[in-house]
C-alpha atoms as a PDB file:
ATOM      1  CA  MET A   1      31.841  50.484  49.602  1.00  0.00           C
ATOM      2  CA  ALA A   2      30.986  51.208  45.968  1.00  0.00           C
ATOM      3  CA  CYS A   3      27.370  51.250  44.825  1.00  0.00           C
ATOM      4  CA  ARG A   4      25.979  51.563  41.338  1.00  0.00           C
ATOM      5  CA  SER A   5      22.293  52.121  40.990  1.00  0.00           C
ATOM      6  CA  PRO A   6      20.204  54.200  38.593  1.00  0.00           C
ATOM      7  CA  SER A   7      18.719  57.043  40.587  1.00  0.00           C
ATOM      8  CA  SER A   8      15.469  57.061  38.624  1.00  0.00           C
ATOM      9  CA  ALA A   9      14.487  53.382  39.172  1.00  0.00           C
ATOM     10  CA  SER A  10      13.487  51.953  42.541  1.00  0.00           C
ATOM     11  CA  ASN A  11      13.690  48.235  41.577  1.00  0.00           C
ATOM     12  CA  ALA A  12      16.773  48.329  39.374  1.00  0.00           C
ATOM     13  CA  PRO A  13      19.559  45.745  39.682  1.00  0.00           C
ATOM     14  CA  THR A  14      22.372  46.904  41.943  1.00  0.00           C
ATOM     15  CA  ASP A  15      25.938  45.698  42.404  1.00  0.00           C
ATOM     16  CA  ILE A  16      27.532  46.217  45.803  1.00  0.00           C
ATOM     17  CA  LEU A  17      31.244  45.522  46.236  1.00  0.00           C
ATOM     18  CA  LEU A  18      32.449  44.927  49.793  1.00  0.00           C
ATOM     19  CA  PRO A  19      35.982  44.263  50.977  1.00  0.00           C
ATOM     20  CA  ALA A  20      36.694  40.703  52.138  1.00  0.00           C
ATOM     21  CA  GLY A  21      35.873  40.179  55.802  1.00  0.00           C
ATOM     22  CA  THR A  22      33.254  42.940  55.976  1.00  0.00           C
ATOM     23  CA  GLN A  23      30.627  42.097  58.582  1.00  0.00           C
ATOM     24  CA  LEU A  24      27.088  43.231  57.923  1.00  0.00           C
ATOM     25  CA  PRO A  25      24.552  43.679  60.749  1.00  0.00           C
ATOM     26  CA  VAL A  26      21.884  41.619  58.960  1.00  0.00           C
ATOM     27  CA  HIS A  27      19.858  38.821  60.529  1.00  0.00           C
ATOM     28  CA  LEU A  28      18.053  36.531  58.067  1.00  0.00           C
ATOM     29  CA  ASN A  29      15.585  33.996  59.356  1.00  0.00           C
ATOM     30  CA  LEU A  30      13.733  32.374  56.501  1.00  0.00           C
ATOM     31  CA  THR A  31      12.656  28.937  55.443  1.00  0.00           C
ATOM     32  CA  VAL A  32      13.451  27.904  51.901  1.00  0.00           C
ATOM     33  CA  PRO A  33      11.359  24.923  50.825  1.00  0.00           C
ATOM     34  CA  VAL A  34      13.312  22.471  48.677  1.00  0.00           C
ATOM     35  CA  ASP A  35      11.567  19.653  46.879  1.00  0.00           C
ATOM     36  CA  GLN A  36      14.353  18.006  44.936  1.00  0.00           C
ATOM     37  CA  GLU A  37      16.045  14.639  45.329  1.00  0.00           C
ATOM     38  CA  ILE A  38      19.813  14.582  45.167  1.00  0.00           C
ATOM     39  CA  PRO A  39      21.456  11.194  44.566  1.00  0.00           C
ATOM     40  CA  VAL A  40      24.247  10.496  47.020  1.00  0.00           C
ATOM     41  CA  ASN A  41      26.863   7.762  46.569  1.00  0.00           C
ATOM     42  CA  LEU A  42      29.209   7.162  49.469  1.00  0.00           C
ATOM     43  CA  ASN A  43      32.242   4.925  49.401  1.00  0.00           C
ATOM     44  CA  VAL A  44      32.560   3.780  53.001  1.00  0.00           C
ATOM     45  CA  ALA A  45      35.185   1.277  54.099  1.00  0.00           C
ATOM     46  CA  VAL A  46      33.731  -1.421  56.337  1.00  0.00           C
ATOM     47  CA  ASP A  47      35.601  -3.993  58.385  1.00  0.00           C
ATOM     48  CA  ILE A  48      33.198  -6.555  59.849  1.00  0.00           C
ATOM     49  CA  PRO A  49      34.774  -9.651  61.398  1.00  0.00           C
ATOM     50  CA  LEU A  50      32.770 -12.345  59.617  1.00  0.00           C
ATOM     51  CA  ASN A  51      33.595 -14.948  62.253  1.00  0.00           C
ATOM     52  CA  GLN A  52      31.646 -12.870  64.782  1.00  0.00           C
ATOM     53  CA  THR A  53      28.429 -12.742  62.752  1.00  0.00           C
ATOM     54  CA  ASP A  54      25.627 -15.148  61.890  1.00  0.00           C
ATOM     55  CA  LEU A  55      27.058 -15.366  58.360  1.00  0.00           C
ATOM     56  CA  HIS A  56      30.176 -17.214  59.516  1.00  0.00           C
ATOM     57  CA  ARG A  57      28.720 -20.732  59.215  1.00  0.00           C
ATOM     58  CA  PRO A  58      27.099 -20.234  55.769  1.00  0.00           C
ATOM     59  CA  PHE A  59      30.295 -18.754  54.312  1.00  0.00           C
ATOM     60  CA  THR A  60      32.439 -21.492  55.834  1.00  0.00           C
ATOM     61  CA  GLY A  61      30.072 -24.041  54.291  1.00  0.00           C
ATOM     62  CA  LEU A  62      30.273 -22.262  50.937  1.00  0.00           C
ATOM     63  CA  GLN A  63      34.083 -22.457  51.039  1.00  0.00           C
ATOM     64  CA  GLN A  64      33.823 -26.211  51.513  1.00  0.00           C
ATOM     65  CA  VAL A  65      31.432 -26.495  48.553  1.00  0.00           C
ATOM     66  CA  VAL A  66      33.704 -24.619  46.111  1.00  0.00           C
ATOM     67  CA  ALA A  67      37.037 -25.989  47.428  1.00  0.00           C
ATOM     68  CA  PRO A  68      37.198 -28.920  44.937  1.00  0.00           C
ATOM     69  CA  TYR A  69      36.604 -26.522  42.012  1.00  0.00           C
ATOM     70  CA  GLN A  70      39.221 -24.101  43.325  1.00  0.00           C
ATOM     71  CA  THR A  71      41.735 -26.951  43.558  1.00  0.00           C
ATOM     72  CA  LEU A  72      40.895 -28.142  40.041  1.00  0.00           C
ATOM     73  CA  LEU A  73      41.122 -24.655  38.522  1.00  0.00           C
ATOM     74  CA  SER A  74      44.342 -23.788  40.346  1.00  0.00           C
ATOM     75  CA  ARG A  75      46.039 -26.555  38.346  1.00  0.00           C
ATOM     76  CA  ALA A  76      44.771 -25.208  34.995  1.00  0.00           C
ATOM     77  CA  PRO A  77      47.247 -23.458  32.665  1.00  0.00           C
ATOM     78  CA  ASP A  78      47.422 -19.663  32.781  1.00  0.00           C
ATOM     79  CA  SER A  79      47.349 -19.245  28.995  1.00  0.00           C
ATOM     80  CA  TRP A  80      46.731 -21.060  25.691  1.00  0.00           C
ATOM     81  CA  TRP A  81      50.498 -20.938  25.110  1.00  0.00           C
ATOM     82  CA  GLN A  82      50.976 -23.171  28.156  1.00  0.00           C
ATOM     83  CA  VAL A  83      48.275 -25.558  26.888  1.00  0.00           C
ATOM     84  CA  PHE A  84      49.802 -26.104  23.450  1.00  0.00           C
ATOM     85  CA  CYS A  85      53.493 -25.571  24.050  1.00  0.00           C
ATOM     86  CA  SER A  86      53.743 -27.840  27.067  1.00  0.00           C
ATOM     87  CA  ALA A  87      52.193 -30.622  24.973  1.00  0.00           C
ATOM     88  CA  LEU A  88      54.372 -29.827  21.929  1.00  0.00           C
ATOM     89  CA  ALA A  89      57.639 -29.025  23.708  1.00  0.00           C
ATOM     90  CA  GLY A  90      60.498 -28.760  21.234  1.00  0.00           C
ATOM     91  CA  ASN A  91      58.218 -28.385  18.181  1.00  0.00           C
ATOM     92  CA  GLY A  92      58.603 -24.668  17.505  1.00  0.00           C
ATOM     93  CA  CYS A  93      57.369 -23.339  20.892  1.00  0.00           C
ATOM     94  CA  LYS A  94      59.686 -20.851  22.515  1.00  0.00           C
END
């Protein structure tokens, strides 16, 4: 153990270097009050079988409400190229 401390000062900063694994016979029992909020964001995977909850019927009903729109939009072109070139096939569209 190496200690550095000025011999003339009783409250001077001191550095103590101990080898790794050194066990010290010290028992600390103190309460440190902390009054600070720390935001915590957790990404937790959840697998809830919807058909076993009370939300099953409302979601099934919602699917039936949006089904005609889904069918209509599934037939829409994927790009403007498809809109214009399918109508003008053979007129410079490649």
